[in-house]
Protein backbone atom coordinates (compact mmCIF):
# COMPACT_ATOMS: atom_id res chain seq x y z
CA MET A 1 -4.73 -26.29 3.27
CA LYS A 2 -6.79 -25.79 -0.02
CA ILE A 3 -7.47 -22.14 -0.61
CA LEU A 4 -9.61 -20.78 -3.27
CA TYR A 5 -7.71 -17.60 -4.17
CA VAL A 6 -10.00 -14.87 -5.59
CA ALA A 7 -8.11 -11.70 -6.81
CA MET A 8 -6.88 -10.02 -9.82
CA LYS A 9 -3.82 -11.56 -11.49
CA HIS A 10 -2.76 -8.40 -13.31
CA ASP A 11 -2.28 -4.89 -12.06
CA TYR A 12 -5.67 -3.21 -12.18
CA GLY A 13 -6.86 -6.11 -14.24
CA ASP A 14 -4.76 -5.10 -17.28
CA PRO A 15 -2.24 -7.73 -18.45
CA ALA A 16 -0.33 -5.00 -20.17
CA ARG A 17 0.60 -3.50 -16.78
CA GLY A 18 2.04 -6.83 -15.63
CA LEU A 19 1.08 -8.98 -12.61
CA SER A 20 -0.59 -7.34 -9.63
CA PHE A 21 0.48 -6.34 -6.15
CA GLU A 22 -1.81 -8.97 -4.72
CA HIS A 23 -0.20 -11.69 -7.01
CA TRP A 24 3.38 -10.86 -6.20
CA ASN A 25 2.64 -10.66 -2.43
CA PHE A 26 -0.43 -12.41 -1.39
CA TYR A 27 -0.50 -15.41 -3.98
CA ASP A 28 3.22 -15.86 -4.10
CA SER A 29 3.56 -15.88 -0.21
CA LEU A 30 0.65 -18.41 0.26
CA ALA A 31 2.10 -20.64 -2.45
CA ALA A 32 5.65 -20.51 -0.90
CA ALA A 33 4.04 -21.40 2.43
CA GLY A 34 2.84 -24.73 0.90
CA HIS A 35 -0.76 -24.06 0.59
CA GLU A 36 -2.84 -25.69 -2.32
CA LEU A 37 -4.13 -22.69 -4.27
CA VAL A 38 -6.99 -22.65 -6.64
CA TYR A 39 -6.61 -19.48 -8.83
CA PHE A 40 -9.82 -17.58 -9.50
CA ASP A 41 -8.74 -14.56 -11.43
CA PHE A 42 -12.16 -12.72 -11.23
CA MET A 43 -11.44 -9.89 -13.43
CA THR A 44 -10.27 -11.68 -16.46
CA LEU A 45 -13.31 -14.04 -16.12
CA TYR A 46 -15.50 -11.10 -15.57
CA ARG A 47 -14.17 -9.44 -18.81
CA THR A 48 -14.31 -12.62 -20.75
CA LEU A 49 -17.53 -14.28 -19.49
CA GLY A 50 -19.62 -11.26 -17.98
CA ARG A 51 -20.44 -10.70 -14.49
CA ALA A 52 -23.44 -13.16 -13.99
CA GLU A 53 -21.49 -16.16 -15.63
CA MET A 54 -18.18 -15.38 -13.71
CA ASN A 55 -20.29 -15.41 -10.35
CA ARG A 56 -21.98 -18.48 -11.28
CA LEU A 57 -18.57 -20.04 -11.95
CA LEU A 58 -17.28 -18.96 -8.69
CA TRP A 59 -20.32 -20.76 -6.84
CA GLU A 60 -19.50 -23.86 -8.82
CA THR A 61 -15.71 -23.70 -8.22
CA VAL A 62 -16.48 -23.73 -4.50
CA GLY A 63 -18.66 -26.67 -4.78
CA ALA A 64 -16.22 -28.60 -6.99
CA GLU A 65 -13.10 -27.62 -5.18
CA ARG A 66 -14.54 -27.67 -1.54
CA PRO A 67 -11.67 -25.32 -0.28
CA SER A 68 -11.16 -24.90 3.52
CA LEU A 69 -10.77 -21.05 2.79
CA MET A 70 -11.87 -18.55 0.23
CA CYS A 71 -9.29 -15.78 0.36
CA THR A 72 -10.44 -12.69 -1.52
CA VAL A 73 -9.14 -9.23 -2.57
CA LEU A 74 -11.99 -7.13 -3.92
CA PHE A 75 -11.39 -4.52 -6.44
CA GLU A 76 -14.88 -2.86 -7.07
CA ASP A 77 -18.29 -4.66 -7.45
CA GLU A 78 -17.33 -7.38 -9.90
CA LEU A 79 -18.29 -10.24 -7.46
CA ASP A 80 -21.98 -10.74 -6.55
CA PRO A 81 -22.67 -10.08 -2.84
CA GLU A 82 -25.39 -12.61 -2.84
CA VAL A 83 -23.06 -15.36 -4.15
CA VAL A 84 -20.46 -14.47 -1.46
CA ARG A 85 -23.12 -14.70 1.12
CA ARG A 86 -24.37 -18.01 -0.02
CA ILE A 87 -20.74 -19.29 0.14
CA SER A 88 -20.22 -17.95 3.59
CA ARG A 89 -23.54 -19.34 4.87
CA GLU A 90 -24.25 -22.37 2.98
CA THR A 91 -20.89 -24.01 2.53
CA ASP A 92 -18.12 -25.26 4.95
CA THR A 93 -15.63 -22.82 3.11
CA VAL A 94 -14.52 -19.92 5.42
CA THR A 95 -14.66 -16.53 3.48
CA LEU A 96 -12.01 -13.96 4.26
CA ASN A 97 -11.55 -10.65 2.42
CA TRP A 98 -8.45 -8.31 2.82
CA PHE A 99 -9.64 -4.60 2.54
CA CYS A 100 -6.75 -2.55 1.10
CA ASP A 101 -8.02 0.97 1.39
CA ASP A 102 -10.18 1.32 4.43
CA HIS A 103 -8.48 4.56 5.33
CA TRP A 104 -10.64 6.24 2.66
CA ARG A 105 -12.95 3.71 1.20
CA PHE A 106 -14.79 2.30 4.16
CA ASP A 107 -18.09 4.17 4.05
CA GLY A 108 -18.78 3.71 0.33
CA PHE A 109 -17.38 0.20 -0.11
CA SER A 110 -16.20 -1.85 2.91
CA ALA A 111 -19.31 -1.18 4.99
CA ARG A 112 -21.43 -2.71 2.12
CA TRP A 113 -19.27 -5.73 1.48
CA ALA A 114 -17.97 -6.80 5.03
CA PRO A 115 -21.27 -8.59 6.06
CA CYS A 116 -20.93 -10.81 3.16
CA PHE A 117 -17.79 -12.45 4.55
CA ASP A 118 -17.13 -14.55 7.55
CA TRP A 119 -14.04 -12.60 8.24
CA VAL A 120 -12.32 -9.47 6.91
CA VAL A 121 -8.85 -7.97 7.28
CA THR A 122 -8.23 -4.20 7.48
CA THR A 123 -4.74 -2.30 7.72
CA ALA A 124 -6.54 0.91 8.99
CA PRO A 125 -6.70 1.30 12.77
CA SER A 126 -9.33 4.15 12.15
CA ALA A 127 -11.60 1.58 10.52
CA LEU A 128 -12.03 -0.53 13.76
CA PRO A 129 -14.64 1.67 15.33
CA LYS A 130 -16.42 1.92 12.15
CA TYR A 131 -16.79 -1.71 11.78
CA GLU A 132 -18.04 -1.89 15.49
CA ARG A 133 -20.63 0.91 14.41
CA ILE A 134 -22.19 -1.32 11.67
CA GLY A 135 -22.15 -4.33 13.90
CA TYR A 136 -19.51 -6.32 12.21
CA ALA A 137 -17.51 -8.00 14.79
CA ASN A 138 -15.16 -10.41 12.76
CA VAL A 139 -12.64 -7.86 11.61
CA ILE A 140 -8.91 -8.51 12.02
CA LYS A 141 -6.38 -5.64 12.22
CA SER A 142 -3.27 -6.70 10.32
CA GLN A 143 -0.79 -4.91 8.14
CA TRP A 144 1.04 -5.07 5.04
CA ALA A 145 4.35 -6.88 5.08
CA CYS A 146 7.23 -8.25 3.06
CA ASN A 147 7.18 -11.40 0.71
CA ASP A 148 10.75 -12.57 1.71
CA HIS A 149 10.69 -15.29 -1.08
CA LEU A 150 10.70 -12.30 -3.48
CA TYR A 151 12.20 -9.10 -1.86
CA ARG A 152 15.69 -9.91 -0.92
CA LYS A 153 19.28 -8.59 -0.58
CA LEU A 154 21.20 -8.74 -3.95
CA GLU A 155 24.58 -7.36 -2.79
CA LEU A 156 24.76 -4.87 -5.71
CA PRO A 157 26.68 -1.64 -5.78
CA ALA A 158 24.90 1.57 -5.20
CA LEU A 159 23.83 3.53 -8.26
CA HIS A 160 21.52 5.97 -6.87
CA ASP A 161 21.65 8.42 -4.05
CA VAL A 162 17.98 8.81 -3.66
CA SER A 163 15.30 6.77 -5.36
CA PHE A 164 11.38 6.78 -5.24
CA VAL A 165 9.28 4.12 -6.92
CA GLY A 166 5.54 4.92 -7.00
CA ARG A 167 3.09 7.19 -8.62
CA PRO A 168 3.14 11.00 -8.66
CA HIS A 169 -0.18 11.69 -7.11
CA GLY A 170 -1.05 14.02 -4.38
CA ASN A 171 1.92 16.32 -3.56
CA ARG A 172 4.43 13.71 -4.46
CA ARG A 173 5.61 15.52 -7.52
CA ALA A 174 5.92 18.86 -5.61
CA VAL A 175 8.00 16.98 -2.82
CA ILE A 176 10.43 15.53 -5.36
CA ASP A 177 10.77 18.75 -7.47
CA ALA A 178 11.66 20.62 -4.20
CA LEU A 179 14.37 18.12 -3.41
CA ARG A 180 15.65 18.41 -6.93
CA SER A 181 15.67 22.05 -6.72
CA VAL A 182 18.44 22.01 -3.86
CA GLY A 183 20.63 19.74 -5.73
CA VAL A 184 19.39 16.32 -4.61
CA GLU A 185 19.40 13.74 -7.35
CA VAL A 186 16.20 11.67 -7.16
CA TYR A 187 15.67 8.67 -9.48
CA THR A 188 12.01 8.16 -10.00
CA ARG A 189 10.03 5.28 -11.48
CA GLY A 190 6.52 4.38 -11.71
CA TYR A 191 3.33 4.98 -13.69
CA GLY A 192 3.19 8.76 -14.20
CA TRP A 193 6.76 9.56 -14.14
CA GLU A 194 8.73 10.36 -17.17
CA GLU A 195 11.04 7.48 -16.45
CA GLY A 196 8.01 5.19 -16.70
CA ARG A 197 6.93 2.01 -15.03
CA VAL A 198 9.20 -0.43 -13.52
CA SER A 199 9.05 -4.36 -13.38
CA GLN A 200 9.02 -6.24 -10.18
CA GLU A 201 12.65 -7.38 -10.72
CA GLU A 202 13.82 -3.74 -11.62
CA MET A 203 12.13 -2.44 -8.48
CA ILE A 204 14.01 -4.86 -6.20
CA ARG A 205 17.33 -3.90 -7.94
CA ILE A 206 16.35 -0.25 -7.24
CA PHE A 207 15.68 -0.93 -3.55
CA ASN A 208 19.10 -2.69 -3.28
CA GLN A 209 21.08 0.02 -5.43
CA SER A 210 19.94 3.11 -3.71
CA ARG A 211 21.63 4.72 -0.77
CA ILE A 212 18.29 6.23 0.23
CA ASN A 213 15.04 4.71 -0.60
CA LEU A 214 12.28 7.43 -0.22
CA ASN A 215 8.62 6.55 0.79
CA LEU A 216 5.88 9.18 0.59
CA PRO A 217 2.88 7.59 2.55
CA ASN A 218 -0.02 9.61 1.30
CA ALA A 219 -2.99 7.64 0.09
CA SER A 220 -3.45 7.17 -3.79
CA THR A 221 -7.13 8.25 -3.92
CA PRO A 222 -9.19 10.88 -2.04
CA SER A 223 -12.26 9.94 -0.28
CA PRO A 224 -15.12 9.51 -2.63
CA HIS A 225 -17.14 11.95 -0.58
CA THR A 226 -14.55 14.74 -1.32
CA SER A 227 -15.32 17.23 -4.05
CA THR A 228 -13.28 18.04 -6.81
CA LYS A 229 -12.68 21.58 -5.54
CA ALA A 230 -12.04 20.24 -1.91
CA THR A 231 -9.45 17.73 -3.41
CA LEU A 232 -7.60 20.52 -5.26
CA ARG A 233 -7.73 22.87 -2.05
CA SER A 234 -5.81 19.90 -0.28
CA HIS A 235 -3.11 20.20 -2.99
CA VAL A 236 -2.96 24.09 -2.04
CA ARG A 237 -2.44 23.22 1.51
CA SER A 238 0.25 20.67 0.67
CA ALA A 239 2.07 23.09 -1.44
CA ALA A 240 1.66 26.02 0.92
CA SER A 241 3.01 23.62 3.67
CA LEU A 242 6.14 23.21 1.58
CA VAL A 243 6.79 26.91 1.54
CA GLU A 244 6.15 27.33 5.33
CA ARG A 245 8.47 24.47 6.17
CA ALA A 246 11.40 25.05 3.92
CA PRO A 247 13.43 28.08 4.93
CA PHE A 248 16.82 27.01 3.68
CA GLY A 249 17.23 28.51 0.13
CA ASP A 250 15.54 30.50 -2.44
CA ARG A 251 15.47 27.51 -4.85
CA LEU A 252 13.50 25.30 -2.61
CA VAL A 253 10.99 27.94 -1.57
CA GLY A 254 10.72 28.86 -5.41
CA ALA A 255 9.91 25.25 -6.22
CA ALA A 256 7.26 25.10 -3.55
CA ARG A 257 5.81 28.37 -4.55
CA SER A 258 5.48 27.20 -8.20
CA SER A 259 3.50 24.23 -7.09
CA LEU A 260 1.37 26.45 -4.92
CA ARG A 261 0.54 28.80 -7.85
CA ALA A 262 -0.36 26.00 -10.01
CA SER A 263 -2.58 24.50 -7.51
CA ARG A 264 -4.38 27.67 -6.80
CA SER A 265 -4.95 28.18 -10.55
CA ALA A 266 -6.50 24.64 -10.67
CA VAL A 267 -8.81 25.50 -7.75
CA GLY A 268 -9.83 28.66 -9.45
CA ARG A 269 -10.93 26.73 -12.54
CA ALA A 270 -12.85 23.95 -10.72
CA PRO A 271 -16.31 23.82 -10.11
CA VAL A 272 -17.54 24.66 -6.56
CA THR A 273 -19.31 21.39 -5.23
CA SER A 274 -18.98 21.37 -1.41
CA ALA A 275 -17.42 23.02 1.54
CA LEU A 276 -13.72 22.37 2.18
CA GLY A 277 -13.36 19.19 4.36
CA ASP A 278 -10.49 17.18 5.81
CA ASP A 279 -7.38 16.45 3.79
CA PRO A 280 -8.74 13.63 1.46
CA TYR A 281 -5.16 12.07 1.09
CA PRO A 282 -4.49 10.51 4.38
CA GLU A 283 -0.99 9.20 5.36
CA GLN A 284 -0.94 5.52 5.75
CA ILE A 285 1.53 2.59 6.17
CA LYS A 286 2.44 1.23 2.70
CA GLY A 287 3.86 -2.04 1.44
CA ARG A 288 6.99 -0.07 0.72
CA ASN A 289 7.52 0.44 4.41
CA PHE A 290 8.18 -3.40 4.55
CA GLU A 291 9.62 -4.20 1.28
CA ILE A 292 12.43 -1.71 1.20
CA PRO A 293 13.90 -2.86 4.68
CA GLY A 294 13.23 -6.50 3.44
CA CYS A 295 15.75 -5.80 0.64
CA GLY A 296 18.17 -4.54 3.05
CA GLY A 297 17.63 -1.05 1.79
CA PHE A 298 17.78 2.15 3.90
CA LEU A 299 14.23 3.67 4.21
CA LEU A 300 13.53 7.31 4.64
CA THR A 301 9.69 7.63 4.95
CA GLY A 302 7.01 10.16 5.85
CA PRO A 303 5.10 9.49 9.10
CA ALA A 304 2.01 7.10 9.25
CA GLU A 305 -0.31 6.09 11.94
CA GLU A 306 1.14 3.14 14.05
CA LEU A 307 4.44 3.00 11.93
CA ASP A 308 6.60 3.20 15.29
CA ARG A 309 4.62 -0.15 16.11
CA TYR A 310 6.46 -2.00 13.35
CA TYR A 311 9.81 -0.11 13.26
CA GLU A 312 11.82 1.98 15.67
CA PRO A 313 12.47 5.36 14.08
CA GLY A 314 16.06 6.25 14.10
CA ARG A 315 17.29 2.74 14.61
CA GLU A 316 15.60 0.58 12.02
CA ILE A 317 14.19 3.17 9.68
CA ALA A 318 14.41 6.94 9.21
CA VAL A 319 11.26 9.20 9.46
CA PHE A 320 10.70 12.86 8.39
CA SER A 321 7.60 15.06 8.98
CA SER A 322 8.54 18.19 7.02
CA MET A 323 10.33 19.22 3.90
CA ARG A 324 13.09 20.80 6.12
CA GLU A 325 13.53 17.37 7.92
CA LEU A 326 13.37 15.42 4.58
CA VAL A 327 16.16 17.51 3.07
CA ASP A 328 18.21 17.59 6.24
CA GLY A 329 17.75 13.74 6.42
CA VAL A 330 18.87 13.21 3.01
CA ARG A 331 21.93 15.39 3.45
CA HIS A 332 22.79 13.58 6.73
CA TYR A 333 22.44 10.18 5.69
CA LEU A 334 24.25 10.63 2.33
CA THR A 335 27.31 11.74 4.19
CA HIS A 336 27.06 9.09 7.15
CA ASP A 337 27.56 5.81 5.50
CA ASP A 338 28.10 3.64 8.68
CA GLU A 339 24.99 5.12 10.43
CA ARG A 340 22.87 4.59 7.26
CA GLN A 341 23.90 0.98 6.96
CA ALA A 342 23.37 0.24 10.61
CA ILE A 343 19.80 1.44 10.27
CA ALA A 344 19.43 -0.52 7.04
CA ASP A 345 20.74 -3.72 8.75
CA ALA A 346 18.50 -3.33 11.78
CA GLY A 347 15.53 -2.77 9.51
CA TYR A 348 16.32 -5.72 7.58
CA ALA A 349 16.66 -7.98 10.79
CA ARG A 350 13.26 -6.79 12.11
CA THR A 351 11.55 -7.47 8.86
CA LEU A 352 12.67 -10.96 8.60
CA ALA A 353 11.94 -11.53 12.22
CA GLU A 354 8.37 -10.03 12.41
CA HIS A 355 7.05 -8.58 9.25
CA THR A 356 6.84 -11.29 6.54
CA TYR A 357 3.61 -12.47 4.99
CA ALA A 358 4.23 -15.83 6.60
CA HIS A 359 4.03 -13.85 9.80
CA ARG A 360 0.78 -12.09 8.89
CA PHE A 361 -1.13 -14.91 7.37
CA GLY A 362 -0.04 -17.28 10.02
CA ALA A 363 -1.61 -15.05 12.65
CA ILE A 364 -4.72 -14.31 10.60
CA PHE A 365 -5.28 -18.03 9.84
CA GLU A 366 -4.83 -18.84 13.63
CA ARG A 367 -7.52 -16.22 14.50
CA ILE A 368 -10.05 -17.60 12.08
CA GLY A 369 -9.43 -21.24 13.33
CA LEU A 370 -7.62 -22.59 10.33
CA GLY A 371 -3.87 -22.57 11.60
CA ALA A 372 -1.49 -23.71 14.29
CA SER A 373 -0.41 -21.23 16.92
CA THR A 374 2.25 -18.78 15.69
CA ARG A 375 2.77 -16.65 18.84
CA THR A 376 3.33 -13.92 16.34
CA ALA A 377 1.50 -10.45 16.49
CA ILE A 378 -0.68 -9.59 13.57
């Protein structure tokens, strides 16, 4: 079908950062499936034309192209909600938005935007009762997946014992430092690490050339309702947790305590703005949970809600829930090659059988009445 694809082409809208996650995963998967795509890079148009002109062009594009579907991935408030409502109500184009961050962004963002669309997709089980409370019924619970046209086995020799690709936000740096303090070599890449960003092609090679691919599933951004002081206090709890759960050597405990002292110092300097609330960095399933197995890589990941619905821990992926389990798991799987490879092979097979974006979008399109029956769970 003809799809008007409305999303950012570049990472955070910045061409210097390369192509976006949405482009590599959503756009590329939809194109590979044979759909006719009309690319509407709203961020580039927003910055070159201005908000009003960009939204006028969006309305005109719908009229001129008459797509069956407008598939949108919002960023902030670049689109005009009234224009989106008009497309939903006054044209034959079905509108669908994929909300990426409902774990922490529902109240201040998704709740405002969802009523503008015919359908929305969420990856957060916790968001479903929230949609019900605002009276929005056309929400589809789906999940990230693997673009198997891009992520693939390369049959390359292993170069890294342990790797981590991602930003060092939350307590991630403390976790990596704690691993390194007990002699585990961890190869880190991504925005914010000393080794720097990685290209899409490089990342796929890293997944293929790592004996263990580490995934840390904490959200990248705290709730907008969480104060600066509460956010910093969450880091104290994270660092303190490392101390409490790591009784196997002075070096590991020392690294955790160093992180704890730094976090407490930051809290002491922060302004008091509200009472301490819940941990603002919830654990959530990430694209990495599917991309790494989709490359045939071995995945060692922290826990996330409903993860066991997609992979069987201990057979298709490995899961840790504390620093002790993480270190023990790394040491175990680095010395048990056959077991590690069997888990990676099982995860790879499960990914190709159930967890590609062809599966996800096929089920979504069937749900909204624009696709044939897939008999595949969303």
